Amino acid sequence: MSTPDQPVPTSEYPEPTQEDRDARFASVVWFRDQRATGAFEQYQGMFVAILGEQIIDADRDAEVLGHRLEARSDALPLNRVVLQYVHRPEDWNWK
């Protein structure tokens, strides 16, 4: 609980740096390039957590995945982790 002389924290994590933003962008580019090759078929219908050029975790439920990542926050630079959904063929509505 905060008192009047103690500010209420606005975030548990430090503000992302430009390097964090650049790293996330590079991860998204890597993911999209790899996805186009069909490299992530085993993750269809799941959310994947990406750090650099590696999938570090995956789950069908984004909230569950987020909680697992939070639990590893002491070992992961969360400002650089990107979550992406890997679509299944039936996710596309072509009608």
C-alpha atoms as a PDB file:
ATOM      1  CA  MET A   1       0.000   0.000   0.000  1.00  0.00           C
ATOM      2  CA  SER A   2       1.364   3.431  -0.868  1.00  0.00           C
ATOM      3  CA  THR A   3       1.327   6.488   1.313  1.00  0.00           C
ATOM      4  CA  PRO A   4       1.098  10.108   0.123  1.00  0.00           C
ATOM      5  CA  ASP A   5       4.888  10.420   0.074  1.00  0.00           C
ATOM      6  CA  GLN A   6       5.351   7.182  -1.911  1.00  0.00           C
ATOM      7  CA  PRO A   7       4.322   7.251  -5.571  1.00  0.00           C
ATOM      8  CA  VAL A   8       2.211   4.412  -6.881  1.00  0.00           C
ATOM      9  CA  PRO A   9       4.230   2.418  -9.394  1.00  0.00           C
ATOM     10  CA  THR A  10       2.753   2.577 -12.880  1.00  0.00           C
ATOM     11  CA  SER A  11       4.452  -0.555 -14.203  1.00  0.00           C
ATOM     12  CA  GLU A  12       6.338  -3.544 -12.880  1.00  0.00           C
ATOM     13  CA  TYR A  13       8.763  -3.346 -15.784  1.00  0.00           C
ATOM     14  CA  PRO A  14      11.025  -0.559 -16.884  1.00  0.00           C
ATOM     15  CA  GLU A  15       9.917   1.401 -19.911  1.00  0.00           C
ATOM     16  CA  PRO A  16      11.082  -0.403 -23.088  1.00  0.00           C
ATOM     17  CA  THR A  17      14.225   1.045 -24.622  1.00  0.00           C
ATOM     18  CA  GLN A  18      14.770   1.578 -28.318  1.00  0.00           C
ATOM     19  CA  GLU A  19      16.921  -1.560 -28.271  1.00  0.00           C
ATOM     20  CA  ASP A  20      13.956  -3.486 -26.793  1.00  0.00           C
ATOM     21  CA  ARG A  21      11.674  -2.176 -29.534  1.00  0.00           C
ATOM     22  CA  ASP A  22      14.219  -3.044 -32.220  1.00  0.00           C
ATOM     23  CA  ALA A  23      14.621  -6.554 -30.798  1.00  0.00           C
ATOM     24  CA  ARG A  24      10.831  -7.101 -30.764  1.00  0.00           C
ATOM     25  CA  PHE A  25      10.558  -5.860 -34.341  1.00  0.00           C
ATOM     26  CA  ALA A  26      13.338  -8.222 -35.459  1.00  0.00           C
ATOM     27  CA  SER A  27      11.542 -11.118 -33.722  1.00  0.00           C
ATOM     28  CA  VAL A  28       8.292 -10.322 -35.535  1.00  0.00           C
ATOM     29  CA  VAL A  29      10.094 -10.165 -38.893  1.00  0.00           C
ATOM     30  CA  TRP A  30      11.797 -13.502 -38.162  1.00  0.00           C
ATOM     31  CA  PHE A  31       8.474 -15.079 -37.136  1.00  0.00           C
ATOM     32  CA  ARG A  32       6.675 -13.903 -40.272  1.00  0.00           C
ATOM     33  CA  ASP A  33       9.494 -15.046 -42.539  1.00  0.00           C
ATOM     34  CA  GLN A  34       9.599 -18.481 -40.893  1.00  0.00           C
ATOM     35  CA  ARG A  35       5.815 -18.811 -40.776  1.00  0.00           C
ATOM     36  CA  ALA A  36       5.695 -18.345 -44.553  1.00  0.00           C
ATOM     37  CA  THR A  37       7.816 -21.506 -44.911  1.00  0.00           C
ATOM     38  CA  GLY A  38       5.408 -23.562 -42.761  1.00  0.00           C
ATOM     39  CA  ALA A  39       7.975 -23.884 -39.987  1.00  0.00           C
ATOM     40  CA  PHE A  40       5.425 -23.551 -37.182  1.00  0.00           C
ATOM     41  CA  GLU A  41       2.831 -26.172 -38.121  1.00  0.00           C
ATOM     42  CA  GLN A  42       3.181 -27.850 -34.723  1.00  0.00           C
ATOM     43  CA  TYR A  43       2.019 -24.576 -33.108  1.00  0.00           C
ATOM     44  CA  GLN A  44      -1.168 -24.099 -35.169  1.00  0.00           C
ATOM     45  CA  GLY A  45      -3.964 -22.686 -33.023  1.00  0.00           C
ATOM     46  CA  MET A  46      -1.508 -21.579 -30.341  1.00  0.00           C
ATOM     47  CA  PHE A  47       0.076 -18.390 -29.095  1.00  0.00           C
ATOM     48  CA  VAL A  48       3.846 -18.504 -29.179  1.00  0.00           C
ATOM     49  CA  ALA A  49       6.306 -16.459 -27.130  1.00  0.00           C
ATOM     50  CA  ILE A  50       9.297 -15.401 -29.204  1.00  0.00           C
ATOM     51  CA  LEU A  51      12.620 -14.116 -27.941  1.00  0.00           C
ATOM     52  CA  GLY A  52      15.114 -13.313 -30.657  1.00  0.00           C
ATOM     53  CA  GLU A  53      14.858 -16.055 -33.237  1.00  0.00           C
ATOM     54  CA  GLN A  54      13.501 -18.686 -30.899  1.00  0.00           C
ATOM     55  CA  ILE A  55      10.104 -19.797 -29.657  1.00  0.00           C
ATOM     56  CA  ILE A  56      10.532 -20.006 -25.903  1.00  0.00           C
ATOM     57  CA  ASP A  57       7.002 -21.127 -24.943  1.00  0.00           C
ATOM     58  CA  ALA A  58       3.573 -21.759 -26.434  1.00  0.00           C
ATOM     59  CA  ASP A  59      -0.010 -22.288 -25.281  1.00  0.00           C
ATOM     60  CA  ARG A  60      -3.522 -22.274 -26.711  1.00  0.00           C
ATOM     61  CA  ASP A  61      -4.501 -19.754 -24.022  1.00  0.00           C
ATOM     62  CA  ALA A  62      -2.693 -16.401 -24.237  1.00  0.00           C
ATOM     63  CA  GLU A  63      -3.473 -15.599 -20.605  1.00  0.00           C
ATOM     64  CA  VAL A  64      -1.992 -18.866 -19.346  1.00  0.00           C
ATOM     65  CA  LEU A  65       1.078 -18.266 -21.493  1.00  0.00           C
ATOM     66  CA  GLY A  66       1.396 -14.741 -20.123  1.00  0.00           C
ATOM     67  CA  HIS A  67       1.271 -16.006 -16.547  1.00  0.00           C
ATOM     68  CA  ARG A  68       3.995 -18.565 -17.257  1.00  0.00           C
ATOM     69  CA  LEU A  69       6.186 -15.867 -18.776  1.00  0.00           C
ATOM     70  CA  GLU A  70       5.549 -13.580 -15.791  1.00  0.00           C
ATOM     71  CA  ALA A  71       6.693 -16.373 -13.501  1.00  0.00           C
ATOM     72  CA  ARG A  72       9.988 -16.444 -15.425  1.00  0.00           C
ATOM     73  CA  SER A  73      10.442 -12.666 -15.421  1.00  0.00           C
ATOM     74  CA  ASP A  74      13.606 -12.912 -13.337  1.00  0.00           C
ATOM     75  CA  ALA A  75      15.243 -14.956 -16.120  1.00  0.00           C
ATOM     76  CA  LEU A  76      13.657 -13.374 -19.204  1.00  0.00           C
ATOM     77  CA  PRO A  77      13.919  -9.860 -20.630  1.00  0.00           C
ATOM     78  CA  LEU A  78      10.132  -9.528 -20.948  1.00  0.00           C
ATOM     79  CA  ASN A  79      10.451  -6.197 -22.769  1.00  0.00           C
ATOM     80  CA  ARG A  80      11.893  -8.195 -25.677  1.00  0.00           C
ATOM     81  CA  VAL A  81       9.416 -11.074 -25.744  1.00  0.00           C
ATOM     82  CA  VAL A  82       6.791 -11.039 -28.498  1.00  0.00           C
ATOM     83  CA  LEU A  83       3.543 -13.018 -28.505  1.00  0.00           C
ATOM     84  CA  GLN A  84       2.138 -14.113 -31.850  1.00  0.00           C
ATOM     85  CA  TYR A  85      -0.762 -16.362 -32.824  1.00  0.00           C
ATOM     86  CA  VAL A  86      -0.137 -19.193 -35.277  1.00  0.00           C
ATOM     87  CA  HIS A  87      -3.269 -19.501 -37.374  1.00  0.00           C
ATOM     88  CA  ARG A  88      -4.886 -22.801 -38.241  1.00  0.00           C
ATOM     89  CA  PRO A  89      -6.309 -23.291 -41.745  1.00  0.00           C
ATOM     90  CA  GLU A  90      -9.834 -23.109 -40.308  1.00  0.00           C
ATOM     91  CA  ASP A  91      -9.098 -19.689 -38.755  1.00  0.00           C
ATOM     92  CA  TRP A  92      -9.217 -18.136 -42.211  1.00  0.00           C
ATOM     93  CA  ASN A  93     -12.730 -17.233 -43.290  1.00  0.00           C
ATOM     94  CA  TRP A  94     -12.726 -17.349 -47.082  1.00  0.00           C
ATOM     95  CA  LYS A  95     -16.511 -17.451 -47.542  1.00  0.00           C
END
